[in-house]
Amino acid sequence: MKDGGGGSAEVDFVYTIDGCAIPIEVKSGHNSRLRSLHAFIDAAPVGVGVRVWSEPLAIDEVQTVVGHKPFRLINLPFYLLGNLEMLVRRYL
């Protein structure tokens, strides 16, 4: 898939729940960019994305950088990965 800057973009994982493809990016810190996740959200009919990281659980209302499409970003700590499906279902 192409990102907004003309390059290619790849999310780390895609998790399917009830026919919805949920993009997942795995990042080590708070200062990471989510260009691939934003490009996926802009291109797909989905309103939720997941960042797996080392910081605390947080749910953010954000917009994609290029298309300004609003979506919920679930910032999921590594240790809560087993709760991924429950959390995503809550915010679908």
C-alpha atoms as a PDB file:
ATOM      1  CA  MET A   1       0.000   0.000   0.000  1.00  0.00           C
ATOM      2  CA  LYS A   2       1.228   3.537  -0.617  1.00  0.00           C
ATOM      3  CA  ASP A   3       1.507   5.960   2.271  1.00  0.00           C
ATOM      4  CA  GLY A   4       0.691   9.665   2.037  1.00  0.00           C
ATOM      5  CA  GLY A   5       4.265  10.601   1.152  1.00  0.00           C
ATOM      6  CA  GLY A   6       4.479   8.418  -1.954  1.00  0.00           C
ATOM      7  CA  GLY A   7       6.429   5.602  -0.275  1.00  0.00           C
ATOM      8  CA  SER A   8       5.189   2.182   0.695  1.00  0.00           C
ATOM      9  CA  ALA A   9       3.617   1.374   4.041  1.00  0.00           C
ATOM     10  CA  GLU A  10       3.216  -1.912   5.894  1.00  0.00           C
ATOM     11  CA  VAL A  11       1.502  -2.547   9.189  1.00  0.00           C
ATOM     12  CA  ASP A  12       3.076  -5.219  11.368  1.00  0.00           C
ATOM     13  CA  PHE A  13      -0.089  -7.323  11.734  1.00  0.00           C
ATOM     14  CA  VAL A  14      -3.717  -7.338  10.638  1.00  0.00           C
ATOM     15  CA  TYR A  15      -6.190  -8.899  13.080  1.00  0.00           C
ATOM     16  CA  THR A  16      -9.649  -9.773  11.781  1.00  0.00           C
ATOM     17  CA  ILE A  17     -12.674  -9.461  14.061  1.00  0.00           C
ATOM     18  CA  ASP A  18     -16.192  -9.957  12.685  1.00  0.00           C
ATOM     19  CA  GLY A  19     -14.962  -9.267   9.164  1.00  0.00           C
ATOM     20  CA  CYS A  20     -13.158  -6.045  10.128  1.00  0.00           C
ATOM     21  CA  ALA A  21      -9.422  -5.857   9.436  1.00  0.00           C
ATOM     22  CA  ILE A  22      -7.720  -4.148  12.384  1.00  0.00           C
ATOM     23  CA  PRO A  23      -4.194  -2.802  11.750  1.00  0.00           C
ATOM     24  CA  ILE A  24      -1.596  -3.421  14.461  1.00  0.00           C
ATOM     25  CA  GLU A  25       1.776  -1.717  14.836  1.00  0.00           C
ATOM     26  CA  VAL A  26       4.330  -2.891  17.402  1.00  0.00           C
ATOM     27  CA  LYS A  27       6.514  -0.069  18.747  1.00  0.00           C
ATOM     28  CA  SER A  28       9.024   0.172  21.560  1.00  0.00           C
ATOM     29  CA  GLY A  29       8.313   3.684  22.805  1.00  0.00           C
ATOM     30  CA  HIS A  30       6.003   6.677  22.952  1.00  0.00           C
ATOM     31  CA  ASN A  31       7.890   8.698  20.363  1.00  0.00           C
ATOM     32  CA  SER A  32       7.199   6.333  17.451  1.00  0.00           C
ATOM     33  CA  ARG A  33       5.462   7.290  14.238  1.00  0.00           C
ATOM     34  CA  LEU A  34       2.520   5.309  12.962  1.00  0.00           C
ATOM     35  CA  ARG A  35       2.624   6.198   9.259  1.00  0.00           C
ATOM     36  CA  SER A  36       1.709   2.704   8.077  1.00  0.00           C
ATOM     37  CA  LEU A  37      -1.193   2.442  10.505  1.00  0.00           C
ATOM     38  CA  HIS A  38      -2.500   5.856   9.418  1.00  0.00           C
ATOM     39  CA  ALA A  39      -2.237   4.882   5.729  1.00  0.00           C
ATOM     40  CA  PHE A  40      -4.145   1.646   6.428  1.00  0.00           C
ATOM     41  CA  ILE A  41      -6.907   3.515   8.299  1.00  0.00           C
ATOM     42  CA  ASP A  42      -7.216   6.035   5.443  1.00  0.00           C
ATOM     43  CA  ALA A  43      -7.544   3.240   2.862  1.00  0.00           C
ATOM     44  CA  ALA A  44      -9.812   0.824   4.749  1.00  0.00           C
ATOM     45  CA  PRO A  45     -13.330   1.019   6.200  1.00  0.00           C
ATOM     46  CA  VAL A  46     -12.131   0.730   9.784  1.00  0.00           C
ATOM     47  CA  GLY A  47     -12.248   3.132  12.722  1.00  0.00           C
ATOM     48  CA  VAL A  48      -9.869   1.383  15.134  1.00  0.00           C
ATOM     49  CA  GLY A  49      -6.116   0.833  15.102  1.00  0.00           C
ATOM     50  CA  VAL A  50      -3.805  -0.763  17.661  1.00  0.00           C
ATOM     51  CA  ARG A  51      -0.315   0.181  18.787  1.00  0.00           C
ATOM     52  CA  VAL A  52       1.357  -2.473  20.948  1.00  0.00           C
ATOM     53  CA  TRP A  53       4.006  -0.797  23.088  1.00  0.00           C
ATOM     54  CA  SER A  54       5.847  -0.614  26.399  1.00  0.00           C
ATOM     55  CA  GLU A  55       3.814   2.277  27.830  1.00  0.00           C
ATOM     56  CA  PRO A  56       0.519   2.135  29.822  1.00  0.00           C
ATOM     57  CA  LEU A  57      -2.873   1.347  28.299  1.00  0.00           C
ATOM     58  CA  ALA A  58      -4.466   4.381  26.664  1.00  0.00           C
ATOM     59  CA  ILE A  59      -7.318   4.922  24.224  1.00  0.00           C
ATOM     60  CA  ASP A  60      -6.888   8.023  22.065  1.00  0.00           C
ATOM     61  CA  GLU A  61      -9.256   9.732  19.651  1.00  0.00           C
ATOM     62  CA  VAL A  62      -6.997  10.770  16.773  1.00  0.00           C
ATOM     63  CA  GLN A  63      -7.072  11.644  13.074  1.00  0.00           C
ATOM     64  CA  THR A  64      -4.969  10.270  10.270  1.00  0.00           C
ATOM     65  CA  VAL A  65      -2.221  12.604   9.121  1.00  0.00           C
ATOM     66  CA  VAL A  66      -3.082  12.708   5.417  1.00  0.00           C
ATOM     67  CA  GLY A  67      -6.841  12.124   5.169  1.00  0.00           C
ATOM     68  CA  HIS A  68      -7.776  13.533   8.592  1.00  0.00           C
ATOM     69  CA  LYS A  69     -10.014  10.509   9.136  1.00  0.00           C
ATOM     70  CA  PRO A  70     -10.973  10.155  12.819  1.00  0.00           C
ATOM     71  CA  PHE A  71     -10.294   6.828  14.530  1.00  0.00           C
ATOM     72  CA  ARG A  72      -9.649   5.286  17.924  1.00  0.00           C
ATOM     73  CA  LEU A  73      -6.088   4.300  18.667  1.00  0.00           C
ATOM     74  CA  ILE A  74      -5.767   1.577  21.279  1.00  0.00           C
ATOM     75  CA  ASN A  75      -2.309   1.861  22.852  1.00  0.00           C
ATOM     76  CA  LEU A  76      -1.907  -1.627  24.284  1.00  0.00           C
ATOM     77  CA  PRO A  77       0.973  -2.589  26.611  1.00  0.00           C
ATOM     78  CA  PHE A  78       2.777  -5.808  25.724  1.00  0.00           C
ATOM     79  CA  TYR A  79       1.569  -7.490  28.918  1.00  0.00           C
ATOM     80  CA  LEU A  80      -2.118  -6.931  27.961  1.00  0.00           C
ATOM     81  CA  LEU A  81      -1.836  -8.457  24.491  1.00  0.00           C
ATOM     82  CA  GLY A  82      -4.058 -11.341  25.609  1.00  0.00           C
ATOM     83  CA  ASN A  83      -6.913  -8.793  25.950  1.00  0.00           C
ATOM     84  CA  LEU A  84      -6.588  -7.531  22.368  1.00  0.00           C
ATOM     85  CA  GLU A  85      -9.864  -8.938  21.047  1.00  0.00           C
ATOM     86  CA  MET A  86     -11.919  -7.810  24.052  1.00  0.00           C
ATOM     87  CA  LEU A  87     -10.567  -4.249  23.809  1.00  0.00           C
ATOM     88  CA  VAL A  88     -10.999  -3.983  20.054  1.00  0.00           C
ATOM     89  CA  ARG A  89     -14.594  -5.268  20.268  1.00  0.00           C
ATOM     90  CA  ARG A  90     -15.321  -2.598  22.878  1.00  0.00           C
ATOM     91  CA  TYR A  91     -14.271   0.170  20.473  1.00  0.00           C
ATOM     92  CA  LEU A  92     -15.460  -1.177  17.102  1.00  0.00           C
END
